[in-house]
Structure formats: C-alpha cells, structure tokens
Amino acid sequence: MLSEIRAYLSQRGRASLSDIALHLHVSPDAARGMLELWERKGRVCRLAAACGGSCSKGCGHCPESAADEVYAWKN
C-alpha cells in the first residue's frame, strides 16, 4: 500500500486524506498512518487545511475532519 500512495501522490501532486483513503479502500486513520511513515522518510509533506479553515461543511467537498489534511509528494 505504501507504493500505491507513492504512485497516487506522484501522479496527482497532492491529495486530501479522504481522497487517499478512498483510493486505497481504507479508513482515513489507516491512510494517515501510512502517510506519516512517508513524512518521516521526508517524501511526503502535510499542507495547510484544504478549505483554509473557512469551510461551512455545506459545499460537499470537505468530508468531515479529513478535509483538513492535504498531502503532497516531494519530488
């Protein structure tokens, strides 16, 4: 699964935690654990909140708390 995260983020550049979890068919917590491993290795960085903190949760693009986490692959 770690290689799937690498491929997914390399192709997309960045993605929210919820998108990554959906792509991998795992829970956001499981995806976060794998992403943290890549962070420790210096290959992934966590970016600022996807909605800038101003989301009213009515837009449909911010599924719960996972919307606050966006990850990017470092080239």
PDB file of N, CA and C in Angstrom:
ATOM      1  N   MET A   1       0.811  -1.197   0.000  1.00  0.00           N
ATOM      2  CA  MET A   1       0.000   0.000   0.000  1.00  0.00           C
ATOM      3  C   MET A   1       0.854   1.262   0.000  1.00  0.00           C
ATOM      4  N   LEU A   2       2.017   1.188   0.592  1.00  0.00           N
ATOM      5  CA  LEU A   2       2.886   2.367   0.587  1.00  0.00           C
ATOM      6  C   LEU A   2       3.264   2.762  -0.836  1.00  0.00           C
ATOM      7  N   SER A   3       3.504   1.776  -1.674  1.00  0.00           N
ATOM      8  CA  SER A   3       3.844   2.089  -3.066  1.00  0.00           C
ATOM      9  C   SER A   3       2.640   2.661  -3.805  1.00  0.00           C
ATOM     10  N   GLU A   4       1.431   2.266  -3.412  1.00  0.00           N
ATOM     11  CA  GLU A   4       0.227   2.839  -4.022  1.00  0.00           C
ATOM     12  C   GLU A   4       0.086   4.308  -3.657  1.00  0.00           C
ATOM     13  N   ILE A   5       0.408   4.646  -2.410  1.00  0.00           N
ATOM     14  CA  ILE A   5       0.372   6.052  -2.001  1.00  0.00           C
ATOM     15  C   ILE A   5       1.394   6.845  -2.806  1.00  0.00           C
ATOM     16  N   ARG A   6       2.587   6.292  -2.941  1.00  0.00           N
ATOM     17  CA  ARG A   6       3.637   6.968  -3.711  1.00  0.00           C
ATOM     18  C   ARG A   6       3.168   7.222  -5.147  1.00  0.00           C
ATOM     19  N   ALA A   7       2.621   6.220  -5.776  1.00  0.00           N
ATOM     20  CA  ALA A   7       2.162   6.362  -7.164  1.00  0.00           C
ATOM     21  C   ALA A   7       1.017   7.367  -7.267  1.00  0.00           C
ATOM     22  N   TYR A   8       0.076   7.289  -6.351  1.00  0.00           N
ATOM     23  CA  TYR A   8      -1.101   8.173  -6.371  1.00  0.00           C
ATOM     24  C   TYR A   8      -0.686   9.631  -6.194  1.00  0.00           C
ATOM     25  N   LEU A   9       0.143   9.896  -5.188  1.00  0.00           N
ATOM     26  CA  LEU A   9       0.563  11.277  -4.943  1.00  0.00           C
ATOM     27  C   LEU A   9       1.548  11.770  -5.995  1.00  0.00           C
ATOM     28  N   SER A  10       2.392  10.903  -6.507  1.00  0.00           N
ATOM     29  CA  SER A  10       3.316  11.306  -7.569  1.00  0.00           C
ATOM     30  C   SER A  10       2.545  11.751  -8.799  1.00  0.00           C
ATOM     31  N   GLN A  11       1.489  11.029  -9.108  1.00  0.00           N
ATOM     32  CA  GLN A  11       0.680  11.352 -10.280  1.00  0.00           C
ATOM     33  C   GLN A  11      -0.140  12.617 -10.067  1.00  0.00           C
ATOM     34  N   ARG A  12      -0.758  12.760  -8.900  1.00  0.00           N
ATOM     35  CA  ARG A  12      -1.655  13.888  -8.624  1.00  0.00           C
ATOM     36  C   ARG A  12      -0.934  15.115  -8.095  1.00  0.00           C
ATOM     37  N   GLY A  13       0.194  14.920  -7.465  1.00  0.00           N
ATOM     38  CA  GLY A  13       0.903  16.032  -6.850  1.00  0.00           C
ATOM     39  C   GLY A  13       0.489  16.242  -5.410  1.00  0.00           C
ATOM     40  N   ARG A  14      -0.815  16.332  -5.181  1.00  0.00           N
ATOM     41  CA  ARG A  14      -1.352  16.472  -3.825  1.00  0.00           C
ATOM     42  C   ARG A  14      -2.752  15.893  -3.781  1.00  0.00           C
ATOM     43  N   ALA A  15      -3.168  15.518  -2.571  1.00  0.00           N
ATOM     44  CA  ALA A  15      -4.500  14.949  -2.389  1.00  0.00           C
ATOM     45  C   ALA A  15      -4.894  15.051  -0.928  1.00  0.00           C
ATOM     46  N   SER A  16      -6.192  15.096  -0.692  1.00  0.00           N
ATOM     47  CA  SER A  16      -6.681  15.130   0.691  1.00  0.00           C
ATOM     48  C   SER A  16      -6.612  13.730   1.288  1.00  0.00           C
ATOM     49  N   LEU A  17      -6.610  13.690   2.593  1.00  0.00           N
ATOM     50  CA  LEU A  17      -6.593  12.411   3.297  1.00  0.00           C
ATOM     51  C   LEU A  17      -7.788  11.568   2.886  1.00  0.00           C
ATOM     52  N   SER A  18      -8.949  12.182   2.759  1.00  0.00           N
ATOM     53  CA  SER A  18     -10.141  11.416   2.396  1.00  0.00           C
ATOM     54  C   SER A  18     -10.019  10.833   0.992  1.00  0.00           C
ATOM     55  N   ASP A  19      -9.431  11.574   0.052  1.00  0.00           N
ATOM     56  CA  ASP A  19      -9.226  11.048  -1.302  1.00  0.00           C
ATOM     57  C   ASP A  19      -8.269   9.862  -1.297  1.00  0.00           C
ATOM     58  N   ILE A  20      -7.205   9.982  -0.524  1.00  0.00           N
ATOM     59  CA  ILE A  20      -6.214   8.904  -0.447  1.00  0.00           C
ATOM     60  C   ILE A  20      -6.840   7.657   0.176  1.00  0.00           C
ATOM     61  N   ALA A  21      -7.584   7.840   1.263  1.00  0.00           N
ATOM     62  CA  ALA A  21      -8.236   6.706   1.924  1.00  0.00           C
ATOM     63  C   ALA A  21      -9.238   6.039   0.985  1.00  0.00           C
ATOM     64  N   LEU A  22      -9.996   6.835   0.254  1.00  0.00           N
ATOM     65  CA  LEU A  22     -10.967   6.295  -0.694  1.00  0.00           C
ATOM     66  C   LEU A  22     -10.260   5.511  -1.799  1.00  0.00           C
ATOM     67  N   HIS A  23      -9.174   6.053  -2.303  1.00  0.00           N
ATOM     68  CA  HIS A  23      -8.418   5.385  -3.358  1.00  0.00           C
ATOM     69  C   HIS A  23      -7.863   4.042  -2.891  1.00  0.00           C
ATOM     70  N   LEU A  24      -7.409   3.983  -1.648  1.00  0.00           N
ATOM     71  CA  LEU A  24      -6.813   2.769  -1.099  1.00  0.00           C
ATOM     72  C   LEU A  24      -7.836   1.805  -0.501  1.00  0.00           C
ATOM     73  N   HIS A  25      -9.101   2.275  -0.362  1.00  0.00           N
ATOM     74  CA  HIS A  25     -10.153   1.468   0.263  1.00  0.00           C
ATOM     75  C   HIS A  25      -9.814   1.144   1.716  1.00  0.00           C
ATOM     76  N   VAL A  26      -9.327   2.169   2.436  1.00  0.00           N
ATOM     77  CA  VAL A  26      -9.006   2.018   3.858  1.00  0.00           C
ATOM     78  C   VAL A  26      -9.617   3.193   4.611  1.00  0.00           C
ATOM     79  N   SER A  27      -9.586   3.128   5.922  1.00  0.00           N
ATOM     80  CA  SER A  27     -10.084   4.230   6.743  1.00  0.00           C
ATOM     81  C   SER A  27      -9.095   5.403   6.675  1.00  0.00           C
ATOM     82  N   PRO A  28      -9.580   6.616   6.937  1.00  0.00           N
ATOM     83  CA  PRO A  28      -8.654   7.759   6.984  1.00  0.00           C
ATOM     84  C   PRO A  28      -7.532   7.564   8.006  1.00  0.00           C
ATOM     85  N   ASP A  29      -7.833   6.922   9.132  1.00  0.00           N
ATOM     86  CA  ASP A  29      -6.795   6.686  10.145  1.00  0.00           C
ATOM     87  C   ASP A  29      -5.706   5.755   9.617  1.00  0.00           C
ATOM     88  N   ALA A  30      -6.096   4.732   8.869  1.00  0.00           N
ATOM     89  CA  ALA A  30      -5.107   3.815   8.295  1.00  0.00           C
ATOM     90  C   ALA A  30      -4.248   4.543   7.259  1.00  0.00           C
ATOM     91  N   ALA A  31      -4.897   5.344   6.430  1.00  0.00           N
ATOM     92  CA  ALA A  31      -4.160   6.115   5.412  1.00  0.00           C
ATOM     93  C   ALA A  31      -3.209   7.103   6.086  1.00  0.00           C
ATOM     94  N   ARG A  32      -3.667   7.741   7.149  1.00  0.00           N
ATOM     95  CA  ARG A  32      -2.835   8.708   7.872  1.00  0.00           C
ATOM     96  C   ARG A  32      -1.579   8.039   8.417  1.00  0.00           C
ATOM     97  N   GLY A  33      -1.726   6.837   8.929  1.00  0.00           N
ATOM     98  CA  GLY A  33      -0.569   6.098   9.453  1.00  0.00           C
ATOM     99  C   GLY A  33       0.471   5.842   8.381  1.00  0.00           C
ATOM    100  N   MET A  34       0.011   5.457   7.205  1.00  0.00           N
ATOM    101  CA  MET A  34       0.946   5.210   6.098  1.00  0.00           C
ATOM    102  C   MET A  34       1.583   6.515   5.623  1.00  0.00           C
ATOM    103  N   LEU A  35       0.801   7.573   5.589  1.00  0.00           N
ATOM    104  CA  LEU A  35       1.329   8.875   5.176  1.00  0.00           C
ATOM    105  C   LEU A  35       2.361   9.397   6.170  1.00  0.00           C
ATOM    106  N   GLU A  36       2.138   9.136   7.449  1.00  0.00           N
ATOM    107  CA  GLU A  36       3.098   9.557   8.468  1.00  0.00           C
ATOM    108  C   GLU A  36       4.448   8.860   8.275  1.00  0.00           C
ATOM    109  N   LEU A  37       4.410   7.606   7.829  1.00  0.00           N
ATOM    110  CA  LEU A  37       5.660   6.903   7.541  1.00  0.00           C
ATOM    111  C   LEU A  37       6.412   7.620   6.412  1.00  0.00           C
ATOM    112  N   TRP A  38       5.699   7.972   5.345  1.00  0.00           N
ATOM    113  CA  TRP A  38       6.335   8.704   4.239  1.00  0.00           C
ATOM    114  C   TRP A  38       6.812  10.080   4.696  1.00  0.00           C
ATOM    115  N   GLU A  39       6.078  10.709   5.611  1.00  0.00           N
ATOM    116  CA  GLU A  39       6.520  12.010   6.159  1.00  0.00           C
ATOM    117  C   GLU A  39       7.847  11.856   6.897  1.00  0.00           C
ATOM    118  N   ARG A  40       7.949  10.840   7.740  1.00  0.00           N
ATOM    119  CA  ARG A  40       9.191  10.614   8.494  1.00  0.00           C
ATOM    120  C   ARG A  40      10.372  10.361   7.565  1.00  0.00           C
ATOM    121  N   LYS A  41      10.116   9.749   6.417  1.00  0.00           N
ATOM    122  CA  LYS A  41      11.171   9.495   5.436  1.00  0.00           C
ATOM    123  C   LYS A  41      11.470  10.724   4.577  1.00  0.00           C
ATOM    124  N   GLY A  42      10.685  11.794   4.762  1.00  0.00           N
ATOM    125  CA  GLY A  42      10.912  13.019   4.026  1.00  0.00           C
ATOM    126  C   GLY A  42      10.381  13.019   2.604  1.00  0.00           C
ATOM    127  N   ARG A  43       9.480  12.105   2.274  1.00  0.00           N
ATOM    128  CA  ARG A  43       8.951  12.003   0.916  1.00  0.00           C
ATOM    129  C   ARG A  43       7.592  12.666   0.742  1.00  0.00           C
ATOM    130  N   VAL A  44       6.869  12.882   1.834  1.00  0.00           N
ATOM    131  CA  VAL A  44       5.539  13.485   1.796  1.00  0.00           C
ATOM    132  C   VAL A  44       5.518  14.639   2.782  1.00  0.00           C
ATOM    133  N   CYS A  45       4.796  15.688   2.422  1.00  0.00           N
ATOM    134  CA  CYS A  45       4.593  16.768   3.387  1.00  0.00           C
ATOM    135  C   CYS A  45       3.102  17.040   3.523  1.00  0.00           C
ATOM    136  N   ARG A  46       2.722  17.405   4.716  1.00  0.00           N
ATOM    137  CA  ARG A  46       1.334  17.756   5.007  1.00  0.00           C
ATOM    138  C   ARG A  46       1.186  19.251   4.779  1.00  0.00           C
ATOM    139  N   LEU A  47       0.198  19.626   3.992  1.00  0.00           N
ATOM    140  CA  LEU A  47      -0.026  21.022   3.647  1.00  0.00           C
ATOM    141  C   LEU A  47      -1.084  21.638   4.557  1.00  0.00           C
ATOM    142  N   ALA A  48      -1.278  22.929   4.407  1.00  0.00           N
ATOM    143  CA  ALA A  48      -2.287  23.639   5.187  1.00  0.00           C
ATOM    144  C   ALA A  48      -3.674  23.090   4.880  1.00  0.00           C
ATOM    145  N   ALA A  49      -4.625  23.443   5.694  1.00  0.00           N
ATOM    146  CA  ALA A  49      -6.000  22.960   5.527  1.00  0.00           C
ATOM    147  C   ALA A  49      -6.515  23.213   4.119  1.00  0.00           C
ATOM    148  N   ALA A  50      -7.213  22.245   3.587  1.00  0.00           N
ATOM    149  CA  ALA A  50      -7.723  22.319   2.216  1.00  0.00           C
ATOM    150  C   ALA A  50      -8.711  23.452   2.038  1.00  0.00           C
ATOM    151  N   CYS A  51      -9.484  23.739   3.046  1.00  0.00           N
ATOM    152  CA  CYS A  51     -10.509  24.768   2.920  1.00  0.00           C
ATOM    153  C   CYS A  51     -10.079  26.076   3.570  1.00  0.00           C
ATOM    154  N   GLY A  52      -8.871  26.155   4.013  1.00  0.00           N
ATOM    155  CA  GLY A  52      -8.399  27.380   4.644  1.00  0.00           C
ATOM    156  C   GLY A  52      -9.095  27.705   5.943  1.00  0.00           C
ATOM    157  N   GLY A  53      -9.780  26.725   6.508  1.00  0.00           N
ATOM    158  CA  GLY A  53     -10.457  26.933   7.778  1.00  0.00           C
ATOM    159  C   GLY A  53     -11.780  27.654   7.647  1.00  0.00           C
ATOM    160  N   SER A  54     -12.196  27.976   6.429  1.00  0.00           N
ATOM    161  CA  SER A  54     -13.428  28.746   6.268  1.00  0.00           C
ATOM    162  C   SER A  54     -14.585  27.909   5.745  1.00  0.00           C
ATOM    163  N   CYS A  55     -14.437  26.611   5.701  1.00  0.00           N
ATOM    164  CA  CYS A  55     -15.470  25.753   5.140  1.00  0.00           C
ATOM    165  C   CYS A  55     -16.679  25.693   6.067  1.00  0.00           C
ATOM    166  N   SER A  56     -17.842  25.810   5.461  1.00  0.00           N
ATOM    167  CA  SER A  56     -19.077  25.723   6.233  1.00  0.00           C
ATOM    168  C   SER A  56     -19.600  24.299   6.292  1.00  0.00           C
ATOM    169  N   LYS A  57     -18.881  23.376   5.682  1.00  0.00           N
ATOM    170  CA  LYS A  57     -19.244  21.959   5.586  1.00  0.00           C
ATOM    171  C   LYS A  57     -20.516  21.771   4.771  1.00  0.00           C
ATOM    172  N   GLY A  58     -20.893  22.763   4.009  1.00  0.00           N
ATOM    173  CA  GLY A  58     -22.061  22.638   3.161  1.00  0.00           C
ATOM    174  C   GLY A  58     -21.706  22.543   1.695  1.00  0.00           C
ATOM    175  N   CYS A  59     -20.436  22.589   1.378  1.00  0.00           N
ATOM    176  CA  CYS A  59     -20.027  22.600  -0.028  1.00  0.00           C
ATOM    177  C   CYS A  59     -19.978  21.206  -0.638  1.00  0.00           C
ATOM    178  N   GLY A  60     -19.913  20.193   0.183  1.00  0.00           N
ATOM    179  CA  GLY A  60     -19.841  18.837  -0.321  1.00  0.00           C
ATOM    180  C   GLY A  60     -18.444  18.395  -0.701  1.00  0.00           C
ATOM    181  N   HIS A  61     -17.468  19.269  -0.571  1.00  0.00           N
ATOM    182  CA  HIS A  61     -16.098  18.930  -0.934  1.00  0.00           C
ATOM    183  C   HIS A  61     -15.221  18.675   0.279  1.00  0.00           C
ATOM    184  N   CYS A  62     -15.757  18.708   1.445  1.00  0.00           N
ATOM    185  CA  CYS A  62     -14.966  18.600   2.672  1.00  0.00           C
ATOM    186  C   CYS A  62     -15.535  17.516   3.583  1.00  0.00           C
ATOM    187  N   PRO A  63     -15.289  16.261   3.268  1.00  0.00           N
ATOM    188  CA  PRO A  63     -15.819  15.200   4.114  1.00  0.00           C
ATOM    189  C   PRO A  63     -15.188  15.188   5.494  1.00  0.00           C
ATOM    190  N   GLU A  64     -15.935  15.624   6.451  1.00  0.00           N
ATOM    191  CA  GLU A  64     -15.584  15.609   7.867  1.00  0.00           C
ATOM    192  C   GLU A  64     -14.184  16.158   8.140  1.00  0.00           C
ATOM    193  N   SER A  65     -13.476  15.582   9.102  1.00  0.00           N
ATOM    194  CA  SER A  65     -12.179  16.129   9.503  1.00  0.00           C
ATOM    195  C   SER A  65     -11.070  15.839   8.506  1.00  0.00           C
ATOM    196  N   ALA A  66     -11.250  14.863   7.630  1.00  0.00           N
ATOM    197  CA  ALA A  66     -10.210  14.522   6.665  1.00  0.00           C
ATOM    198  C   ALA A  66      -9.946  15.671   5.692  1.00  0.00           C
ATOM    199  N   ALA A  67     -10.904  16.599   5.562  1.00  0.00           N
ATOM    200  CA  ALA A  67     -10.729  17.725   4.648  1.00  0.00           C
ATOM    201  C   ALA A  67      -9.619  18.647   5.116  1.00  0.00           C
ATOM    202  N   ASP A  68      -9.295  18.602   6.406  1.00  0.00           N
ATOM    203  CA  ASP A  68      -8.260  19.473   6.944  1.00  0.00           C
ATOM    204  C   ASP A  68      -6.861  18.984   6.612  1.00  0.00           C
ATOM    205  N   GLU A  69      -6.741  17.798   6.091  1.00  0.00           N
ATOM    206  CA  GLU A  69      -5.426  17.228   5.830  1.00  0.00           C
ATOM    207  C   GLU A  69      -5.216  17.040   4.331  1.00  0.00           C
ATOM    208  N   VAL A  70      -4.223  17.739   3.806  1.00  0.00           N
ATOM    209  CA  VAL A  70      -3.840  17.589   2.405  1.00  0.00           C
ATOM    210  C   VAL A  70      -2.363  17.234   2.386  1.00  0.00           C
ATOM    211  N   TYR A  71      -2.022  16.252   1.573  1.00  0.00           N
ATOM    212  CA  TYR A  71      -0.659  15.755   1.498  1.00  0.00           C
ATOM    213  C   TYR A  71      -0.108  15.939   0.095  1.00  0.00           C
ATOM    214  N   ALA A  72       1.185  16.201   0.008  1.00  0.00           N
ATOM    215  CA  ALA A  72       1.851  16.360  -1.293  1.00  0.00           C
ATOM    216  C   ALA A  72       3.109  15.510  -1.315  1.00  0.00           C
ATOM    217  N   TRP A  73       3.390  14.971  -2.483  1.00  0.00           N
ATOM    218  CA  TRP A  73       4.610  14.177  -2.688  1.00  0.00           C
ATOM    219  C   TRP A  73       5.749  15.106  -3.009  1.00  0.00           C
ATOM    220  N   LYS A  74       6.890  14.917  -2.366  1.00  0.00           N
ATOM    221  CA  LYS A  74       8.086  15.714  -2.637  1.00  0.00           C
ATOM    222  C   LYS A  74       8.880  15.034  -3.754  1.00  0.00           C
ATOM    223  N   ASN A  75       9.160  15.774  -4.800  1.00  0.00           N
ATOM    224  CA  ASN A  75       9.942  15.196  -5.919  1.00  0.00           C
ATOM    225  C   ASN A  75      11.411  15.233  -5.656  1.00  0.00           C
TER     226      ASN A  75
END
